[in-house]
Amino acid sequence: MLAFNKVIPTIEKKIIEMIQTLKLAKKTSKDDYMQYLRFILIAVGAIGGVGFLIKLISEFITFRPPT
């Protein structure tokens, strides 16, 4: 029971900190959102492109024509 009494104030403190952080947060503008979205899509495309090239090269290296 002693440990339980120490946990509750800690949880309450964390919840209060989260609420204060949310009160300070502001909504991003549409321009910022579009910039982040563009960056993420470019990064995902680049990573996918690199993966595709690696797969393509490995297929050409291991390709054996039928005999």
PDB file of N, CA and C in Angstrom:
ATOM      1  N   MET A   1       0.824  -1.197   0.000  1.00  0.00           N
ATOM      2  CA  MET A   1       0.000   0.000   0.000  1.00  0.00           C
ATOM      3  C   MET A   1       0.865   1.258   0.000  1.00  0.00           C
ATOM      4  N   LEU A   2       2.051   1.170   0.559  1.00  0.00           N
ATOM      5  CA  LEU A   2       2.936   2.322   0.621  1.00  0.00           C
ATOM      6  C   LEU A   2       3.382   2.743  -0.777  1.00  0.00           C
ATOM      7  N   ALA A   3       3.714   1.795  -1.629  1.00  0.00           N
ATOM      8  CA  ALA A   3       4.156   2.108  -2.987  1.00  0.00           C
ATOM      9  C   ALA A   3       3.015   2.715  -3.797  1.00  0.00           C
ATOM     10  N   PHE A   4       1.795   2.252  -3.567  1.00  0.00           N
ATOM     11  CA  PHE A   4       0.634   2.773  -4.287  1.00  0.00           C
ATOM     12  C   PHE A   4       0.424   4.247  -3.971  1.00  0.00           C
ATOM     13  N   ASN A   5       0.659   4.641  -2.736  1.00  0.00           N
ATOM     14  CA  ASN A   5       0.495   6.042  -2.334  1.00  0.00           C
ATOM     15  C   ASN A   5       1.542   6.952  -2.985  1.00  0.00           C
ATOM     16  N   LYS A   6       2.670   6.390  -3.380  1.00  0.00           N
ATOM     17  CA  LYS A   6       3.702   7.182  -4.052  1.00  0.00           C
ATOM     18  C   LYS A   6       3.434   7.294  -5.552  1.00  0.00           C
ATOM     19  N   VAL A   7       2.733   6.319  -6.090  1.00  0.00           N
ATOM     20  CA  VAL A   7       2.497   6.292  -7.533  1.00  0.00           C
ATOM     21  C   VAL A   7       1.430   7.302  -7.946  1.00  0.00           C
ATOM     22  N   ILE A   8       0.364   7.413  -7.176  1.00  0.00           N
ATOM     23  CA  ILE A   8      -0.758   8.288  -7.529  1.00  0.00           C
ATOM     24  C   ILE A   8      -0.319   9.748  -7.691  1.00  0.00           C
ATOM     25  N   PRO A   9       0.436  10.342  -6.752  1.00  0.00           N
ATOM     26  CA  PRO A   9       0.866  11.739  -6.962  1.00  0.00           C
ATOM     27  C   PRO A   9       1.759  11.900  -8.197  1.00  0.00           C
ATOM     28  N   THR A  10       2.556  10.893  -8.481  1.00  0.00           N
ATOM     29  CA  THR A  10       3.415  10.960  -9.666  1.00  0.00           C
ATOM     30  C   THR A  10       2.577  10.978 -10.935  1.00  0.00           C
ATOM     31  N   ILE A  11       1.557  10.137 -10.990  1.00  0.00           N
ATOM     32  CA  ILE A  11       0.670  10.096 -12.154  1.00  0.00           C
ATOM     33  C   ILE A  11      -0.084  11.419 -12.290  1.00  0.00           C
ATOM     34  N   GLU A  12      -0.582  11.948 -11.180  1.00  0.00           N
ATOM     35  CA  GLU A  12      -1.295  13.227 -11.215  1.00  0.00           C
ATOM     36  C   GLU A  12      -0.387  14.345 -11.717  1.00  0.00           C
ATOM     37  N   LYS A  13       0.862  14.341 -11.273  1.00  0.00           N
ATOM     38  CA  LYS A  13       1.817  15.358 -11.700  1.00  0.00           C
ATOM     39  C   LYS A  13       2.062  15.266 -13.205  1.00  0.00           C
ATOM     40  N   LYS A  14       2.216  14.055 -13.712  1.00  0.00           N
ATOM     41  CA  LYS A  14       2.440  13.869 -15.146  1.00  0.00           C
ATOM     42  C   LYS A  14       1.232  14.329 -15.962  1.00  0.00           C
ATOM     43  N   ILE A  15       0.032  14.034 -15.490  1.00  0.00           N
ATOM     44  CA  ILE A  15      -1.179  14.450 -16.199  1.00  0.00           C
ATOM     45  C   ILE A  15      -1.279  15.969 -16.232  1.00  0.00           C
ATOM     46  N   ILE A  16      -0.966  16.627 -15.113  1.00  0.00           N
ATOM     47  CA  ILE A  16      -0.989  18.092 -15.059  1.00  0.00           C
ATOM     48  C   ILE A  16       0.037  18.674 -16.028  1.00  0.00           C
ATOM     49  N   GLU A  17       1.228  18.079 -16.097  1.00  0.00           N
ATOM     50  CA  GLU A  17       2.250  18.545 -17.037  1.00  0.00           C
ATOM     51  C   GLU A  17       1.783  18.387 -18.478  1.00  0.00           C
ATOM     52  N   MET A  18       1.109  17.271 -18.776  1.00  0.00           N
ATOM     53  CA  MET A  18       0.599  17.054 -20.135  1.00  0.00           C
ATOM     54  C   MET A  18      -0.455  18.093 -20.499  1.00  0.00           C
ATOM     55  N   ILE A  19      -1.337  18.400 -19.562  1.00  0.00           N
ATOM     56  CA  ILE A  19      -2.383  19.397 -19.815  1.00  0.00           C
ATOM     57  C   ILE A  19      -1.760  20.768 -20.052  1.00  0.00           C
ATOM     58  N   GLN A  20      -0.757  21.131 -19.257  1.00  0.00           N
ATOM     59  CA  GLN A  20      -0.093  22.421 -19.438  1.00  0.00           C
ATOM     60  C   GLN A  20       0.603  22.499 -20.796  1.00  0.00           C
ATOM     61  N   THR A  21       1.215  21.397 -21.213  1.00  0.00           N
ATOM     62  CA  THR A  21       1.873  21.369 -22.516  1.00  0.00           C
ATOM     63  C   THR A  21       0.857  21.543 -23.636  1.00  0.00           C
ATOM     64  N   LEU A  22      -0.283  20.872 -23.526  1.00  0.00           N
ATOM     65  CA  LEU A  22      -1.321  21.003 -24.551  1.00  0.00           C
ATOM     66  C   LEU A  22      -1.884  22.419 -24.608  1.00  0.00           C
ATOM     67  N   LYS A  23      -1.957  23.088 -23.470  1.00  0.00           N
ATOM     68  CA  LYS A  23      -2.442  24.471 -23.454  1.00  0.00           C
ATOM     69  C   LYS A  23      -1.470  25.408 -24.165  1.00  0.00           C
ATOM     70  N   LEU A  24      -0.172  25.114 -24.086  1.00  0.00           N
ATOM     71  CA  LEU A  24       0.831  25.958 -24.728  1.00  0.00           C
ATOM     72  C   LEU A  24       0.975  25.668 -26.220  1.00  0.00           C
ATOM     73  N   ALA A  25       0.563  24.488 -26.638  1.00  0.00           N
ATOM     74  CA  ALA A  25       0.728  24.092 -28.040  1.00  0.00           C
ATOM     75  C   ALA A  25      -0.172  24.928 -28.936  1.00  0.00           C
ATOM     76  N   LYS A  26       0.313  25.168 -30.146  1.00  0.00           N
ATOM     77  CA  LYS A  26      -0.500  25.909 -31.105  1.00  0.00           C
ATOM     78  C   LYS A  26      -0.673  25.063 -32.358  1.00  0.00           C
ATOM     79  N   LYS A  27      -1.728  25.330 -33.065  1.00  0.00           N
ATOM     80  CA  LYS A  27      -2.007  24.608 -34.294  1.00  0.00           C
ATOM     81  C   LYS A  27      -1.081  25.130 -35.388  1.00  0.00           C
ATOM     82  N   THR A  28      -0.516  24.207 -36.164  1.00  0.00           N
ATOM     83  CA  THR A  28       0.376  24.628 -37.240  1.00  0.00           C
ATOM     84  C   THR A  28      -0.436  25.199 -38.395  1.00  0.00           C
ATOM     85  N   SER A  29       0.201  26.078 -39.131  1.00  0.00           N
ATOM     86  CA  SER A  29      -0.477  26.676 -40.281  1.00  0.00           C
ATOM     87  C   SER A  29      -0.523  25.672 -41.430  1.00  0.00           C
ATOM     88  N   LYS A  30      -1.366  25.959 -42.392  1.00  0.00           N
ATOM     89  CA  LYS A  30      -1.501  25.061 -43.542  1.00  0.00           C
ATOM     90  C   LYS A  30      -0.195  24.995 -44.328  1.00  0.00           C
ATOM     91  N   ASP A  31       0.511  26.123 -44.431  1.00  0.00           N
ATOM     92  CA  ASP A  31       1.784  26.134 -45.156  1.00  0.00           C
ATOM     93  C   ASP A  31       2.809  25.234 -44.478  1.00  0.00           C
ATOM     94  N   ASP A  32       2.907  25.320 -43.148  1.00  0.00           N
ATOM     95  CA  ASP A  32       3.832  24.459 -42.419  1.00  0.00           C
ATOM     96  C   ASP A  32       3.454  22.995 -42.583  1.00  0.00           C
ATOM     97  N   TYR A  33       2.165  22.714 -42.498  1.00  0.00           N
ATOM     98  CA  TYR A  33       1.694  21.336 -42.650  1.00  0.00           C
ATOM     99  C   TYR A  33       2.050  20.793 -44.032  1.00  0.00           C
ATOM    100  N   MET A  34       1.826  21.588 -45.068  1.00  0.00           N
ATOM    101  CA  MET A  34       2.133  21.140 -46.425  1.00  0.00           C
ATOM    102  C   MET A  34       3.637  20.950 -46.619  1.00  0.00           C
ATOM    103  N   GLN A  35       4.436  21.797 -45.982  1.00  0.00           N
ATOM    104  CA  GLN A  35       5.887  21.659 -46.081  1.00  0.00           C
ATOM    105  C   GLN A  35       6.340  20.358 -45.423  1.00  0.00           C
ATOM    106  N   TYR A  36       5.830  20.059 -44.230  1.00  0.00           N
ATOM    107  CA  TYR A  36       6.174  18.809 -43.555  1.00  0.00           C
ATOM    108  C   TYR A  36       5.695  17.611 -44.357  1.00  0.00           C
ATOM    109  N   LEU A  37       4.492  17.694 -44.915  1.00  0.00           N
ATOM    110  CA  LEU A  37       3.943  16.602 -45.709  1.00  0.00           C
ATOM    111  C   LEU A  37       4.801  16.352 -46.942  1.00  0.00           C
ATOM    112  N   ARG A  38       5.203  17.421 -47.616  1.00  0.00           N
ATOM    113  CA  ARG A  38       6.057  17.286 -48.799  1.00  0.00           C
ATOM    114  C   ARG A  38       7.381  16.627 -48.432  1.00  0.00           C
ATOM    115  N   PHE A  39       7.980  17.068 -47.330  1.00  0.00           N
ATOM    116  CA  PHE A  39       9.252  16.496 -46.887  1.00  0.00           C
ATOM    117  C   PHE A  39       9.109  15.007 -46.581  1.00  0.00           C
ATOM    118  N   ILE A  40       8.044  14.635 -45.896  1.00  0.00           N
ATOM    119  CA  ILE A  40       7.829  13.234 -45.536  1.00  0.00           C
ATOM    120  C   ILE A  40       7.608  12.390 -46.784  1.00  0.00           C
ATOM    121  N   LEU A  41       6.808  12.882 -47.721  1.00  0.00           N
ATOM    122  CA  LEU A  41       6.558  12.122 -48.948  1.00  0.00           C
ATOM    123  C   LEU A  41       7.829  11.957 -49.777  1.00  0.00           C
ATOM    124  N   ILE A  42       8.654  12.988 -49.838  1.00  0.00           N
ATOM    125  CA  ILE A  42       9.923  12.881 -50.564  1.00  0.00           C
ATOM    126  C   ILE A  42      10.833  11.864 -49.886  1.00  0.00           C
ATOM    127  N   ALA A  43      10.891  11.897 -48.556  1.00  0.00           N
ATOM    128  CA  ALA A  43      11.741  10.954 -47.830  1.00  0.00           C
ATOM    129  C   ALA A  43      11.261   9.519 -48.020  1.00  0.00           C
ATOM    130  N   VAL A  44       9.958   9.294 -47.931  1.00  0.00           N
ATOM    131  CA  VAL A  44       9.417   7.943 -48.122  1.00  0.00           C
ATOM    132  C   VAL A  44       9.679   7.474 -49.549  1.00  0.00           C
ATOM    133  N   GLY A  45       9.494   8.357 -50.518  1.00  0.00           N
ATOM    134  CA  GLY A  45       9.769   8.001 -51.908  1.00  0.00           C
ATOM    135  C   GLY A  45      11.234   7.672 -52.140  1.00  0.00           C
ATOM    136  N   ALA A  46      12.132   8.443 -51.522  1.00  0.00           N
ATOM    137  CA  ALA A  46      13.564   8.192 -51.678  1.00  0.00           C
ATOM    138  C   ALA A  46      13.949   6.851 -51.067  1.00  0.00           C
ATOM    139  N   ILE A  47      13.429   6.567 -49.891  1.00  0.00           N
ATOM    140  CA  ILE A  47      13.731   5.287 -49.247  1.00  0.00           C
ATOM    141  C   ILE A  47      13.169   4.134 -50.076  1.00  0.00           C
ATOM    142  N   GLY A  48      11.957   4.293 -50.591  1.00  0.00           N
ATOM    143  CA  GLY A  48      11.374   3.264 -51.449  1.00  0.00           C
ATOM    144  C   GLY A  48      12.162   3.087 -52.733  1.00  0.00           C
ATOM    145  N   GLY A  49      12.630   4.190 -53.302  1.00  0.00           N
ATOM    146  CA  GLY A  49      13.436   4.112 -54.522  1.00  0.00           C
ATOM    147  C   GLY A  49      14.746   3.384 -54.297  1.00  0.00           C
ATOM    148  N   VAL A  50      15.400   3.663 -53.184  1.00  0.00           N
ATOM    149  CA  VAL A  50      16.651   2.970 -52.862  1.00  0.00           C
ATOM    150  C   VAL A  50      16.387   1.478 -52.675  1.00  0.00           C
ATOM    151  N   GLY A  51      15.319   1.147 -51.971  1.00  0.00           N
ATOM    152  CA  GLY A  51      14.968  -0.264 -51.786  1.00  0.00           C
ATOM    153  C   GLY A  51      14.675  -0.946 -53.107  1.00  0.00           C
ATOM    154  N   PHE A  52      13.966  -0.245 -54.001  1.00  0.00           N
ATOM    155  CA  PHE A  52      13.662  -0.811 -55.316  1.00  0.00           C
ATOM    156  C   PHE A  52      14.939  -1.040 -56.112  1.00  0.00           C
ATOM    157  N   LEU A  53      15.861  -0.081 -56.089  1.00  0.00           N
ATOM    158  CA  LEU A  53      17.120  -0.246 -56.819  1.00  0.00           C
ATOM    159  C   LEU A  53      17.939  -1.408 -56.276  1.00  0.00           C
ATOM    160  N   ILE A  54      17.985  -1.548 -54.962  1.00  0.00           N
ATOM    161  CA  ILE A  54      18.716  -2.669 -54.367  1.00  0.00           C
ATOM    162  C   ILE A  54      18.099  -3.989 -54.810  1.00  0.00           C
ATOM    163  N   LYS A  55      16.786  -4.078 -54.781  1.00  0.00           N
ATOM    164  CA  LYS A  55      16.099  -5.300 -55.214  1.00  0.00           C
ATOM    165  C   LYS A  55      16.345  -5.565 -56.694  1.00  0.00           C
ATOM    166  N   LEU A  56      16.288  -4.536 -57.526  1.00  0.00           N
ATOM    167  CA  LEU A  56      16.498  -4.689 -58.958  1.00  0.00           C
ATOM    168  C   LEU A  56      17.921  -5.159 -59.256  1.00  0.00           C
ATOM    169  N   ILE A  57      18.899  -4.555 -58.611  1.00  0.00           N
ATOM    170  CA  ILE A  57      20.296  -4.954 -58.812  1.00  0.00           C
ATOM    171  C   ILE A  57      20.515  -6.385 -58.348  1.00  0.00           C
ATOM    172  N   SER A  58      19.946  -6.755 -57.221  1.00  0.00           N
ATOM    173  CA  SER A  58      20.125  -8.128 -56.733  1.00  0.00           C
ATOM    174  C   SER A  58      19.460  -9.134 -57.670  1.00  0.00           C
ATOM    175  N   GLU A  59      18.355  -8.762 -58.302  1.00  0.00           N
ATOM    176  CA  GLU A  59      17.714  -9.659 -59.274  1.00  0.00           C
ATOM    177  C   GLU A  59      18.600  -9.838 -60.507  1.00  0.00           C
ATOM    178  N   PHE A  60      19.228  -8.770 -60.974  1.00  0.00           N
ATOM    179  CA  PHE A  60      20.114  -8.886 -62.131  1.00  0.00           C
ATOM    180  C   PHE A  60      21.364  -9.695 -61.802  1.00  0.00           C
ATOM    181  N   ILE A  61      21.875  -9.544 -60.591  1.00  0.00           N
ATOM    182  CA  ILE A  61      23.081 -10.278 -60.202  1.00  0.00           C
ATOM    183  C   ILE A  61      22.797 -11.770 -60.105  1.00  0.00           C
ATOM    184  N   THR A  62      21.665 -12.137 -59.560  1.00  0.00           N
ATOM    185  CA  THR A  62      21.356 -13.557 -59.345  1.00  0.00           C
ATOM    186  C   THR A  62      20.594 -14.175 -60.510  1.00  0.00           C
ATOM    187  N   PHE A  63      20.367 -13.424 -61.591  1.00  0.00           N
ATOM    188  CA  PHE A  63      19.610 -13.952 -62.726  1.00  0.00           C
ATOM    189  C   PHE A  63      20.437 -14.995 -63.460  1.00  0.00           C
ATOM    190  N   ARG A  64      19.836 -16.154 -63.688  1.00  0.00           N
ATOM    191  CA  ARG A  64      20.470 -17.219 -64.465  1.00  0.00           C
ATOM    192  C   ARG A  64      19.519 -17.586 -65.601  1.00  0.00           C
ATOM    193  N   PRO A  65      19.963 -17.405 -66.825  1.00  0.00           N
ATOM    194  CA  PRO A  65      19.071 -17.759 -67.934  1.00  0.00           C
ATOM    195  C   PRO A  65      18.826 -19.266 -67.978  1.00  0.00           C
ATOM    196  N   PRO A  66      17.678 -19.685 -68.461  1.00  0.00           N
ATOM    197  CA  PRO A  66      17.402 -21.126 -68.534  1.00  0.00           C
ATOM    198  C   PRO A  66      18.348 -21.815 -69.509  1.00  0.00           C
ATOM    199  N   THR A  67      18.770 -23.003 -69.153  1.00  0.00           N
ATOM    200  CA  THR A  67      19.698 -23.751 -70.022  1.00  0.00           C
ATOM    201  C   THR A  67      19.042 -24.945 -70.649  1.00  0.00           C
TER     202      THR A  67
END
